[in-house]
N, C-alpha and C. Protein backbone atom coordinates (compact mmCIF):
# COMPACT_ATOMS: atom_id res chain seq x y z
N VAL A 1 85.08 101.24 113.42
CA VAL A 1 84.85 101.16 111.99
C VAL A 1 84.55 99.72 111.59
N GLU A 2 85.33 98.78 112.11
CA GLU A 2 85.11 97.38 111.75
C GLU A 2 83.73 96.90 112.22
N GLY A 3 83.29 97.42 113.36
CA GLY A 3 81.98 97.03 113.87
C GLY A 3 80.87 97.44 112.92
N VAL A 4 80.96 98.65 112.38
CA VAL A 4 79.96 99.12 111.43
C VAL A 4 80.02 98.30 110.15
N ALA A 5 81.23 98.02 109.70
CA ALA A 5 81.38 97.19 108.50
C ALA A 5 80.74 95.82 108.72
N TYR A 6 80.98 95.25 109.90
CA TYR A 6 80.42 93.93 110.19
C TYR A 6 78.90 93.97 110.26
N LEU A 7 78.35 95.05 110.85
CA LEU A 7 76.90 95.18 110.93
C LEU A 7 76.25 95.23 109.55
N SER A 8 77.02 95.65 108.55
CA SER A 8 76.47 95.74 107.20
C SER A 8 76.66 94.44 106.41
N SER A 9 77.02 93.36 107.08
CA SER A 9 77.26 92.08 106.40
C SER A 9 76.09 91.67 105.52
N PHE A 10 74.87 91.81 106.03
CA PHE A 10 73.70 91.42 105.23
C PHE A 10 73.65 92.20 103.92
N LEU A 11 73.94 93.49 103.99
CA LEU A 11 73.90 94.30 102.78
C LEU A 11 74.92 93.81 101.76
N TRP A 12 76.11 93.48 102.24
CA TRP A 12 77.16 93.00 101.34
C TRP A 12 76.83 91.62 100.79
N LYS A 13 76.40 90.73 101.67
CA LYS A 13 76.14 89.35 101.26
C LYS A 13 74.92 89.23 100.35
N SER A 14 74.00 90.20 100.42
CA SER A 14 72.78 90.11 99.63
C SER A 14 72.87 90.86 98.30
N GLN A 15 74.04 91.36 97.96
CA GLN A 15 74.20 92.09 96.69
C GLN A 15 73.79 91.24 95.49
N SER A 16 74.12 89.97 95.52
CA SER A 16 73.84 89.11 94.36
C SER A 16 72.40 88.60 94.32
N LEU A 17 71.60 88.92 95.33
CA LEU A 17 70.23 88.43 95.38
C LEU A 17 69.25 89.33 94.62
N GLY A 18 69.71 90.47 94.17
CA GLY A 18 68.83 91.39 93.46
C GLY A 18 68.06 92.32 94.38
N LEU A 19 68.35 92.27 95.67
CA LEU A 19 67.64 93.15 96.61
C LEU A 19 68.04 94.61 96.45
N TRP A 20 69.20 94.85 95.87
CA TRP A 20 69.73 96.21 95.77
C TRP A 20 70.03 96.59 94.33
N SER A 21 69.31 96.03 93.38
CA SER A 21 69.61 96.26 91.97
C SER A 21 69.03 97.57 91.43
N GLN A 22 68.08 98.15 92.13
CA GLN A 22 67.47 99.41 91.69
C GLN A 22 68.19 100.60 92.32
N PRO A 23 67.95 101.80 91.81
CA PRO A 23 68.53 102.99 92.45
C PRO A 23 68.04 103.13 93.90
N ARG A 24 68.75 103.91 94.68
CA ARG A 24 68.39 104.13 96.08
C ARG A 24 66.93 104.57 96.20
N GLY A 25 66.22 103.97 97.15
CA GLY A 25 64.83 104.32 97.38
C GLY A 25 63.84 103.58 96.50
N GLU A 26 64.33 102.64 95.69
CA GLU A 26 63.44 101.89 94.81
C GLU A 26 63.54 100.38 95.03
N ASN A 27 64.27 99.97 96.05
CA ASN A 27 64.45 98.56 96.34
C ASN A 27 63.51 98.11 97.45
N LEU A 28 63.41 96.82 97.63
CA LEU A 28 62.50 96.24 98.61
C LEU A 28 62.73 96.79 100.02
N LEU A 29 63.99 96.88 100.44
CA LEU A 29 64.28 97.21 101.83
C LEU A 29 64.81 98.62 102.07
N ASP A 30 64.74 99.49 101.08
CA ASP A 30 65.22 100.86 101.29
C ASP A 30 64.14 101.89 101.01
N SER A 31 62.93 101.54 101.32
CA SER A 31 61.73 102.38 101.18
C SER A 31 61.15 102.39 99.77
N GLY A 32 61.62 101.50 98.92
CA GLY A 32 61.03 101.40 97.59
C GLY A 32 59.67 100.73 97.61
N ALA A 33 59.52 99.75 98.49
CA ALA A 33 58.25 99.02 98.58
C ALA A 33 57.26 99.78 99.45
N PRO A 34 56.00 99.84 99.04
CA PRO A 34 55.01 100.56 99.83
C PRO A 34 54.76 99.92 101.19
N PHE A 35 55.09 98.64 101.32
CA PHE A 35 54.86 97.92 102.57
C PHE A 35 56.12 97.87 103.43
N TYR A 36 57.15 98.65 103.07
CA TYR A 36 58.38 98.76 103.86
C TYR A 36 58.82 100.21 103.81
N GLU A 37 58.07 101.04 104.54
CA GLU A 37 58.22 102.49 104.40
C GLU A 37 57.75 103.18 105.68
N ILE A 38 58.00 104.46 105.76
CA ILE A 38 57.53 105.28 106.87
C ILE A 38 56.53 106.28 106.31
N TYR A 39 55.40 106.43 107.00
CA TYR A 39 54.34 107.31 106.51
C TYR A 39 53.97 108.36 107.56
N ARG A 40 53.72 109.58 107.08
CA ARG A 40 53.33 110.69 107.94
C ARG A 40 51.84 110.57 108.29
N THR A 41 51.53 110.85 109.55
CA THR A 41 50.14 110.81 110.00
C THR A 41 49.57 112.23 110.02
N SER A 42 48.28 112.35 110.29
CA SER A 42 47.63 113.66 110.22
C SER A 42 48.15 114.64 111.26
N ASP A 43 48.77 114.14 112.34
CA ASP A 43 49.30 115.04 113.37
C ASP A 43 50.80 115.31 113.19
N GLY A 44 51.33 114.97 112.01
CA GLY A 44 52.73 115.26 111.72
C GLY A 44 53.70 114.24 112.30
N LYS A 45 53.19 113.17 112.86
CA LYS A 45 54.05 112.10 113.37
C LYS A 45 54.16 111.03 112.28
N PHE A 46 54.77 109.89 112.62
CA PHE A 46 55.02 108.88 111.59
C PHE A 46 54.69 107.48 112.09
N MET A 47 54.39 106.61 111.13
CA MET A 47 54.20 105.19 111.38
C MET A 47 55.19 104.44 110.48
N ALA A 48 55.84 103.42 111.05
CA ALA A 48 56.76 102.58 110.30
C ALA A 48 56.04 101.31 109.88
N VAL A 49 56.22 100.94 108.62
CA VAL A 49 55.57 99.75 108.07
C VAL A 49 56.65 98.79 107.59
N GLY A 50 56.55 97.53 108.01
CA GLY A 50 57.50 96.51 107.58
C GLY A 50 56.79 95.20 107.29
N ALA A 51 55.71 95.28 106.53
CA ALA A 51 54.85 94.12 106.29
C ALA A 51 55.27 93.37 105.02
N ILE A 52 56.41 92.72 105.07
CA ILE A 52 56.94 92.05 103.88
C ILE A 52 56.21 90.74 103.59
N GLU A 53 56.07 89.90 104.59
CA GLU A 53 55.44 88.60 104.36
C GLU A 53 53.95 88.78 104.08
N PRO A 54 53.39 87.94 103.20
CA PRO A 54 51.98 88.09 102.82
C PRO A 54 51.01 88.14 104.00
N LYS A 55 51.24 87.35 105.04
CA LYS A 55 50.30 87.36 106.17
C LYS A 55 50.32 88.71 106.88
N PHE A 56 51.48 89.37 106.93
CA PHE A 56 51.57 90.69 107.54
C PHE A 56 50.98 91.75 106.60
N TYR A 57 51.25 91.58 105.32
CA TYR A 57 50.72 92.51 104.32
C TYR A 57 49.19 92.50 104.33
N ASP A 58 48.61 91.32 104.45
CA ASP A 58 47.14 91.22 104.51
C ASP A 58 46.59 92.02 105.70
N GLN A 59 47.28 91.92 106.84
CA GLN A 59 46.86 92.66 108.04
C GLN A 59 47.03 94.17 107.83
N LEU A 60 48.09 94.56 107.14
CA LEU A 60 48.31 95.98 106.83
C LEU A 60 47.15 96.51 105.99
N ILE A 61 46.83 95.81 104.93
CA ILE A 61 45.76 96.24 104.03
C ILE A 61 44.43 96.33 104.78
N LYS A 62 44.16 95.35 105.61
CA LYS A 62 42.93 95.34 106.40
C LYS A 62 42.90 96.55 107.34
N GLY A 63 44.01 96.79 108.03
CA GLY A 63 44.08 97.93 108.96
C GLY A 63 43.92 99.27 108.27
N LEU A 64 44.41 99.36 107.04
CA LEU A 64 44.27 100.60 106.27
C LEU A 64 42.86 100.77 105.72
N GLY A 65 42.04 99.73 105.85
CA GLY A 65 40.67 99.81 105.34
C GLY A 65 40.59 99.66 103.83
N LEU A 66 41.60 99.03 103.25
CA LEU A 66 41.61 98.82 101.81
C LEU A 66 41.18 97.39 101.49
N ASN A 67 40.81 97.17 100.24
CA ASN A 67 40.38 95.85 99.78
C ASN A 67 41.51 95.22 98.97
N LEU A 68 42.03 94.11 99.45
CA LEU A 68 43.15 93.43 98.80
C LEU A 68 42.84 93.08 97.34
N ASP A 69 41.58 92.73 97.07
CA ASP A 69 41.19 92.34 95.71
C ASP A 69 41.21 93.51 94.73
N GLU A 70 41.19 94.73 95.25
CA GLU A 70 41.18 95.91 94.38
C GLU A 70 42.57 96.51 94.20
N LEU A 71 43.58 95.86 94.76
CA LEU A 71 44.95 96.38 94.70
C LEU A 71 45.81 95.50 93.80
N PRO A 72 46.88 96.07 93.25
CA PRO A 72 47.83 95.25 92.49
C PRO A 72 48.48 94.22 93.41
N ALA A 73 49.09 93.22 92.84
CA ALA A 73 49.80 92.21 93.62
C ALA A 73 50.89 92.89 94.46
N GLN A 74 51.10 92.37 95.65
CA GLN A 74 52.06 92.97 96.58
C GLN A 74 53.44 93.16 95.94
N MET A 75 53.92 92.19 95.19
CA MET A 75 55.27 92.25 94.63
C MET A 75 55.30 92.79 93.20
N SER A 76 54.26 93.50 92.81
CA SER A 76 54.23 94.13 91.49
C SER A 76 55.02 95.44 91.57
N ILE A 77 56.32 95.33 91.34
CA ILE A 77 57.24 96.45 91.54
C ILE A 77 56.84 97.68 90.74
N SER A 78 56.33 97.49 89.54
CA SER A 78 55.96 98.64 88.71
C SER A 78 54.82 99.45 89.34
N ASN A 79 54.05 98.82 90.22
CA ASN A 79 52.94 99.51 90.88
C ASN A 79 53.32 100.12 92.23
N TRP A 80 54.53 99.87 92.69
CA TRP A 80 54.93 100.36 94.01
C TRP A 80 54.83 101.88 94.16
N PRO A 81 55.28 102.68 93.19
CA PRO A 81 55.17 104.13 93.38
C PRO A 81 53.73 104.59 93.59
N GLU A 82 52.81 104.05 92.83
CA GLU A 82 51.40 104.43 92.97
C GLU A 82 50.84 103.93 94.30
N MET A 83 51.24 102.73 94.70
CA MET A 83 50.78 102.17 95.98
C MET A 83 51.30 103.00 97.16
N LYS A 84 52.54 103.47 97.05
CA LYS A 84 53.08 104.31 98.12
C LYS A 84 52.26 105.58 98.27
N LYS A 85 51.86 106.16 97.15
CA LYS A 85 51.02 107.36 97.20
C LYS A 85 49.68 107.05 97.86
N LYS A 86 49.11 105.91 97.52
CA LYS A 86 47.82 105.51 98.10
C LYS A 86 47.96 105.30 99.60
N PHE A 87 48.98 104.56 100.01
CA PHE A 87 49.19 104.31 101.44
C PHE A 87 49.44 105.63 102.18
N ALA A 88 50.24 106.51 101.58
CA ALA A 88 50.54 107.80 102.21
C ALA A 88 49.26 108.61 102.40
N SER A 89 48.40 108.57 101.41
CA SER A 89 47.13 109.30 101.50
C SER A 89 46.26 108.75 102.63
N VAL A 90 46.23 107.44 102.77
CA VAL A 90 45.42 106.82 103.82
C VAL A 90 46.02 107.12 105.20
N PHE A 91 47.33 106.96 105.35
CA PHE A 91 47.96 107.22 106.65
C PHE A 91 47.78 108.68 107.07
N ALA A 92 47.72 109.58 106.11
CA ALA A 92 47.59 111.01 106.41
C ALA A 92 46.21 111.38 106.94
N GLN A 93 45.28 110.44 106.94
CA GLN A 93 43.91 110.73 107.37
C GLN A 93 43.68 110.55 108.87
N LYS A 94 44.63 109.92 109.56
CA LYS A 94 44.45 109.67 110.99
C LYS A 94 45.72 110.07 111.75
N THR A 95 45.55 110.29 113.05
CA THR A 95 46.69 110.61 113.91
C THR A 95 47.49 109.34 114.19
N GLN A 96 48.69 109.53 114.70
CA GLN A 96 49.51 108.38 115.07
C GLN A 96 48.80 107.54 116.13
N ALA A 97 48.18 108.19 117.10
CA ALA A 97 47.47 107.46 118.16
C ALA A 97 46.32 106.64 117.58
N GLU A 98 45.62 107.20 116.61
CA GLU A 98 44.53 106.45 115.98
C GLU A 98 45.06 105.23 115.24
N TRP A 99 46.18 105.39 114.53
CA TRP A 99 46.77 104.25 113.83
C TRP A 99 47.27 103.21 114.82
N CYS A 100 47.81 103.66 115.93
CA CYS A 100 48.27 102.70 116.95
C CYS A 100 47.09 101.89 117.47
N SER A 101 45.97 102.54 117.69
CA SER A 101 44.81 101.79 118.20
C SER A 101 44.31 100.78 117.18
N ILE A 102 44.53 101.03 115.92
CA ILE A 102 44.13 100.09 114.87
C ILE A 102 45.12 98.93 114.77
N PHE A 103 46.41 99.23 114.81
CA PHE A 103 47.43 98.21 114.53
C PHE A 103 48.04 97.54 115.75
N ASP A 104 47.88 98.10 116.94
CA ASP A 104 48.55 97.54 118.11
C ASP A 104 48.21 96.08 118.38
N SER A 105 47.01 95.67 118.09
CA SER A 105 46.61 94.29 118.40
C SER A 105 46.68 93.38 117.17
N THR A 106 47.42 93.80 116.15
CA THR A 106 47.52 93.00 114.92
C THR A 106 48.95 92.53 114.70
N ASP A 107 49.12 91.67 113.71
CA ASP A 107 50.45 91.25 113.26
C ASP A 107 50.77 91.92 111.93
N ALA A 108 50.46 93.19 111.82
CA ALA A 108 50.66 93.90 110.56
C ALA A 108 52.06 94.48 110.41
N CYS A 109 52.88 94.40 111.46
CA CYS A 109 54.22 94.99 111.43
C CYS A 109 54.15 96.49 111.15
N VAL A 110 53.26 97.16 111.86
CA VAL A 110 53.10 98.61 111.76
C VAL A 110 53.27 99.16 113.17
N THR A 111 54.21 100.08 113.33
CA THR A 111 54.52 100.62 114.65
C THR A 111 54.70 102.14 114.58
N PRO A 112 54.51 102.82 115.70
CA PRO A 112 54.76 104.26 115.70
C PRO A 112 56.26 104.55 115.68
N VAL A 113 56.63 105.62 115.01
CA VAL A 113 58.00 106.13 115.09
C VAL A 113 57.99 107.11 116.25
N LEU A 114 58.69 106.77 117.31
CA LEU A 114 58.62 107.55 118.54
C LEU A 114 59.75 108.56 118.65
N SER A 115 59.44 109.69 119.27
CA SER A 115 60.47 110.68 119.57
C SER A 115 61.21 110.21 120.83
N PHE A 116 62.35 110.82 121.11
CA PHE A 116 63.06 110.49 122.34
C PHE A 116 62.16 110.72 123.55
N ASP A 117 61.36 111.76 123.49
CA ASP A 117 60.47 112.07 124.62
C ASP A 117 59.41 110.98 124.82
N ASP A 118 59.01 110.33 123.73
CA ASP A 118 57.94 109.33 123.81
C ASP A 118 58.43 107.91 124.08
N VAL A 119 59.68 107.63 123.78
CA VAL A 119 60.17 106.25 123.86
C VAL A 119 60.04 105.65 125.26
N ALA A 120 60.55 106.35 126.25
CA ALA A 120 60.57 105.79 127.61
C ALA A 120 59.17 105.63 128.18
N SER A 121 58.22 106.46 127.73
CA SER A 121 56.87 106.37 128.28
C SER A 121 55.95 105.48 127.44
N HIS A 122 56.47 104.92 126.35
CA HIS A 122 55.64 104.03 125.53
C HIS A 122 55.29 102.78 126.34
N GLN A 123 54.05 102.34 126.24
CA GLN A 123 53.55 101.24 127.06
C GLN A 123 54.44 99.99 126.98
N HIS A 124 54.87 99.64 125.79
CA HIS A 124 55.71 98.44 125.61
C HIS A 124 57.00 98.57 126.43
N ASN A 125 57.64 99.72 126.34
CA ASN A 125 58.89 99.92 127.07
C ASN A 125 58.67 100.02 128.57
N LYS A 126 57.54 100.57 128.98
CA LYS A 126 57.22 100.63 130.41
C LYS A 126 57.01 99.23 130.96
N GLU A 127 56.28 98.39 130.23
CA GLU A 127 56.01 97.03 130.70
C GLU A 127 57.30 96.22 130.83
N ARG A 128 58.26 96.49 129.97
CA ARG A 128 59.52 95.74 129.98
C ARG A 128 60.59 96.43 130.83
N SER A 129 60.26 97.58 131.40
CA SER A 129 61.24 98.37 132.16
C SER A 129 62.51 98.59 131.34
N SER A 130 62.32 98.96 130.09
CA SER A 130 63.44 99.13 129.17
C SER A 130 64.30 100.34 129.47
N PHE A 131 63.75 101.31 130.20
CA PHE A 131 64.48 102.53 130.51
C PHE A 131 64.47 102.77 132.01
N ILE A 132 65.52 103.42 132.48
CA ILE A 132 65.65 103.74 133.90
C ILE A 132 65.98 105.21 134.05
N LYS A 133 65.73 105.74 135.25
CA LYS A 133 66.11 107.12 135.58
C LYS A 133 67.18 107.06 136.65
N ASN A 134 68.18 107.93 136.50
CA ASN A 134 69.19 108.00 137.56
C ASN A 134 68.75 109.01 138.61
N ASP A 135 69.59 109.23 139.61
CA ASP A 135 69.21 110.12 140.70
C ASP A 135 69.13 111.59 140.28
N GLN A 136 69.56 111.90 139.06
CA GLN A 136 69.44 113.25 138.52
C GLN A 136 68.20 113.40 137.63
N GLY A 137 67.45 112.30 137.47
CA GLY A 137 66.26 112.32 136.63
C GLY A 137 66.55 112.09 135.15
N GLU A 138 67.80 111.72 134.82
CA GLU A 138 68.16 111.46 133.43
C GLU A 138 67.73 110.05 133.05
N ILE A 139 67.17 109.92 131.86
CA ILE A 139 66.68 108.63 131.38
C ILE A 139 67.73 107.98 130.49
N SER A 140 67.91 106.68 130.66
CA SER A 140 68.82 105.93 129.80
C SER A 140 68.30 104.50 129.66
N PRO A 141 68.76 103.78 128.62
CA PRO A 141 68.34 102.39 128.47
C PRO A 141 68.83 101.54 129.63
N ARG A 142 68.03 100.59 130.01
CA ARG A 142 68.41 99.64 131.04
C ARG A 142 69.44 98.68 130.44
N PRO A 143 70.40 98.22 131.24
CA PRO A 143 71.38 97.27 130.70
C PRO A 143 70.70 96.03 130.12
N ALA A 144 71.25 95.53 129.05
CA ALA A 144 70.70 94.35 128.39
C ALA A 144 71.84 93.42 128.02
N PRO A 145 71.61 92.15 127.88
CA PRO A 145 70.33 91.48 128.01
C PRO A 145 69.92 91.33 129.47
N VAL A 146 68.64 91.14 129.68
CA VAL A 146 68.12 90.91 131.03
C VAL A 146 68.13 89.40 131.25
N LEU A 147 69.01 88.96 132.10
CA LEU A 147 69.17 87.53 132.37
C LEU A 147 68.50 87.17 133.69
N SER A 148 67.90 86.00 133.75
CA SER A 148 67.16 85.62 134.96
C SER A 148 68.07 85.26 136.13
N ARG A 149 69.18 84.57 135.86
CA ARG A 149 70.05 84.15 136.96
C ARG A 149 71.08 85.20 137.36
N THR A 150 71.50 86.01 136.41
CA THR A 150 72.51 87.02 136.71
C THR A 150 72.09 88.36 136.10
N PRO A 151 71.00 88.93 136.59
CA PRO A 151 70.54 90.20 136.01
C PRO A 151 71.50 91.34 136.32
N ALA A 152 71.66 92.22 135.36
CA ALA A 152 72.48 93.41 135.58
C ALA A 152 71.74 94.32 136.55
N VAL A 153 72.47 94.93 137.43
CA VAL A 153 71.87 95.86 138.38
C VAL A 153 72.26 97.27 137.96
N PRO A 154 71.31 98.01 137.41
CA PRO A 154 71.65 99.35 136.94
C PRO A 154 71.95 100.30 138.09
N SER A 155 72.84 101.21 137.85
CA SER A 155 73.17 102.22 138.85
C SER A 155 72.18 103.37 138.76
N SER A 156 71.83 103.92 139.90
CA SER A 156 70.94 105.08 139.88
C SER A 156 71.74 106.38 139.94
N LYS A 157 73.06 106.26 139.97
CA LYS A 157 73.90 107.45 140.01
C LYS A 157 74.08 107.99 138.60
N ARG A 158 74.29 109.28 138.52
CA ARG A 158 74.53 109.90 137.22
C ARG A 158 75.89 109.45 136.68
N ASP A 159 76.06 109.54 135.36
CA ASP A 159 77.36 109.25 134.76
C ASP A 159 78.34 110.33 135.18
N PRO A 160 79.60 109.97 135.38
CA PRO A 160 80.58 111.01 135.75
C PRO A 160 80.81 111.96 134.58
N PHE A 161 81.16 113.19 134.92
CA PHE A 161 81.52 114.17 133.90
C PHE A 161 82.92 113.85 133.38
N ILE A 162 83.19 114.23 132.15
CA ILE A 162 84.53 114.03 131.60
C ILE A 162 85.52 114.77 132.49
N GLY A 163 86.52 114.05 132.95
CA GLY A 163 87.55 114.65 133.78
C GLY A 163 87.24 114.71 135.26
N GLU A 164 86.07 114.24 135.66
CA GLU A 164 85.68 114.35 137.06
C GLU A 164 86.59 113.54 137.99
N HIS A 165 87.04 112.38 137.54
CA HIS A 165 87.87 111.50 138.38
C HIS A 165 89.27 111.29 137.82
N THR A 166 89.66 112.11 136.85
CA THR A 166 90.94 111.91 136.17
C THR A 166 92.12 111.89 137.14
N GLU A 167 92.22 112.92 137.95
CA GLU A 167 93.37 113.01 138.85
C GLU A 167 93.38 111.85 139.83
N GLU A 168 92.25 111.55 140.39
CA GLU A 168 92.12 110.45 141.36
C GLU A 168 92.57 109.12 140.76
N ILE A 169 92.15 108.84 139.54
CA ILE A 169 92.49 107.57 138.89
C ILE A 169 93.97 107.52 138.52
N LEU A 170 94.50 108.63 137.99
CA LEU A 170 95.92 108.64 137.63
C LEU A 170 96.81 108.49 138.86
N LEU A 171 96.43 109.10 139.96
CA LEU A 171 97.19 108.92 141.20
C LEU A 171 97.14 107.46 141.65
N GLU A 172 95.97 106.86 141.51
CA GLU A 172 95.79 105.46 141.88
C GLU A 172 96.68 104.55 141.03
N TYR A 173 96.91 104.93 139.78
CA TYR A 173 97.76 104.14 138.88
C TYR A 173 99.24 104.51 138.98
N GLY A 174 99.59 105.36 139.92
CA GLY A 174 101.00 105.61 140.18
C GLY A 174 101.58 106.86 139.54
N PHE A 175 100.77 107.66 138.89
CA PHE A 175 101.28 108.91 138.34
C PHE A 175 101.56 109.88 139.48
N THR A 176 102.59 110.69 139.33
CA THR A 176 102.88 111.70 140.34
C THR A 176 102.04 112.94 140.06
N LYS A 177 101.92 113.79 141.05
CA LYS A 177 101.17 115.04 140.88
C LYS A 177 101.80 115.88 139.78
N GLN A 178 103.13 115.88 139.71
CA GLN A 178 103.84 116.65 138.68
C GLN A 178 103.53 116.10 137.28
N GLU A 179 103.51 114.77 137.14
CA GLU A 179 103.20 114.16 135.83
C GLU A 179 101.76 114.50 135.41
N ILE A 180 100.88 114.47 136.37
CA ILE A 180 99.47 114.78 136.08
C ILE A 180 99.33 116.24 135.67
N ASP A 181 100.01 117.14 136.39
CA ASP A 181 99.96 118.57 136.05
C ASP A 181 100.51 118.81 134.64
N LYS A 182 101.57 118.07 134.28
CA LYS A 182 102.16 118.21 132.94
C LYS A 182 101.16 117.74 131.88
N LEU A 183 100.51 116.60 132.11
CA LEU A 183 99.50 116.10 131.17
C LEU A 183 98.37 117.12 131.01
N HIS A 184 97.99 117.74 132.12
CA HIS A 184 96.92 118.73 132.07
C HIS A 184 97.36 119.98 131.32
N SER A 185 98.58 120.45 131.59
CA SER A 185 99.07 121.66 130.90
C SER A 185 99.28 121.40 129.41
N ASP A 186 99.58 120.15 129.05
CA ASP A 186 99.72 119.77 127.63
C ASP A 186 98.36 119.49 126.97
N LYS A 187 97.29 119.65 127.75
CA LYS A 187 95.91 119.41 127.29
C LYS A 187 95.68 117.97 126.85
N ALA A 188 96.43 117.05 127.45
CA ALA A 188 96.25 115.62 127.17
C ALA A 188 95.12 115.05 128.02
N ILE A 189 94.83 115.70 129.14
CA ILE A 189 93.74 115.27 130.02
C ILE A 189 92.93 116.48 130.44
N GLU A 190 91.74 116.21 130.96
CA GLU A 190 90.87 117.28 131.46
C GLU A 190 90.59 117.06 132.93
N PHE A 191 90.36 118.16 133.62
CA PHE A 191 89.87 118.10 134.99
C PHE A 191 88.49 118.72 135.00
N ASN A 192 87.62 118.14 135.77
CA ASN A 192 86.29 118.70 135.93
C ASN A 192 85.88 118.43 137.37
N ASN A 193 86.25 119.34 138.24
CA ASN A 193 85.93 119.18 139.65
C ASN A 193 84.51 119.68 139.90
N VAL A 194 83.63 118.74 140.15
CA VAL A 194 82.22 119.07 140.35
C VAL A 194 82.03 119.62 141.75
N LYS A 195 81.41 120.78 141.83
CA LYS A 195 81.13 121.40 143.13
C LYS A 195 79.74 120.97 143.59
N ALA A 196 79.61 120.72 144.86
CA ALA A 196 78.31 120.35 145.41
C ALA A 196 77.39 121.56 145.42
N ASN A 197 76.12 121.32 145.10
CA ASN A 197 75.12 122.38 145.17
C ASN A 197 74.52 122.40 146.57
N LEU A 198 74.88 123.42 147.33
CA LEU A 198 74.37 123.51 148.71
C LEU A 198 73.26 124.52 148.81
């Protein structure tokens, strides 16, 4: 609980800055701004936009094929609802892959929202070896950070099942078989003896 509270420090500390003065969904960082939002593409997928700084916003507008001179000022809050509709209409005209081909080589801060199935195979994650497969074919994130002098060595073994090693570990720590049986009968611990598939 404390970890989550700590992660929200920015939200708490920025209360007095006016970033959260509007109702939910109408502020700069909670999808109120048209340039900080998620948009549906023509294939039912999504693109995330986080083009807050003017240089990124300019790239966003260019990628969308819009003319900056014909749009309201970026920080014109009263125009945000209409701009969101305009951006949504434009994003809905192309597939996620088409938008990726437009924005991948820019600094527009526009990225695809990936499904779990797509994350590990995304080119960026493949190049960085961000995900690994264990010997069961299960995909998981690679340990991080990746350090040059002391890199973590990921295991290719599957994670143990809950209770798979309970008895073994408790015996190692000095519990008697009778104490372990009592803990099990009281449902304080689980056993999960994995059988080999022959």
